[in-house]
């Protein structure tokens, strides 16, 4: 297997593991000069052909996460359910 084949396969695994819409939490950014704060949540927008996970962070920033360089995790089912509860409670109600 060539280096290109290995990297391509690794990128495909990342695309399958983190499809668009996956919710994650950044734990630590590697060497970014303007890192996103630890424990910031984000939504995966896309995974590119080299395996960088591009995200829209809840603080308004958009940035790519590099597996192996940056530390992150997917949100648990409990965290996702909690987000849904918060979203529903913030929804506007129709008054009469």
Foldseek 3Di string as FASTA:
>chain_A
DDPLVVQQVLLVVLCVVQPFFFKKFWQFAAPDPDDDDHRWIWTFHGADRRGWTWTQTPVGDIDTGDPPRTDMGTDDPVVVVVVVVVVVVPDDDDDD
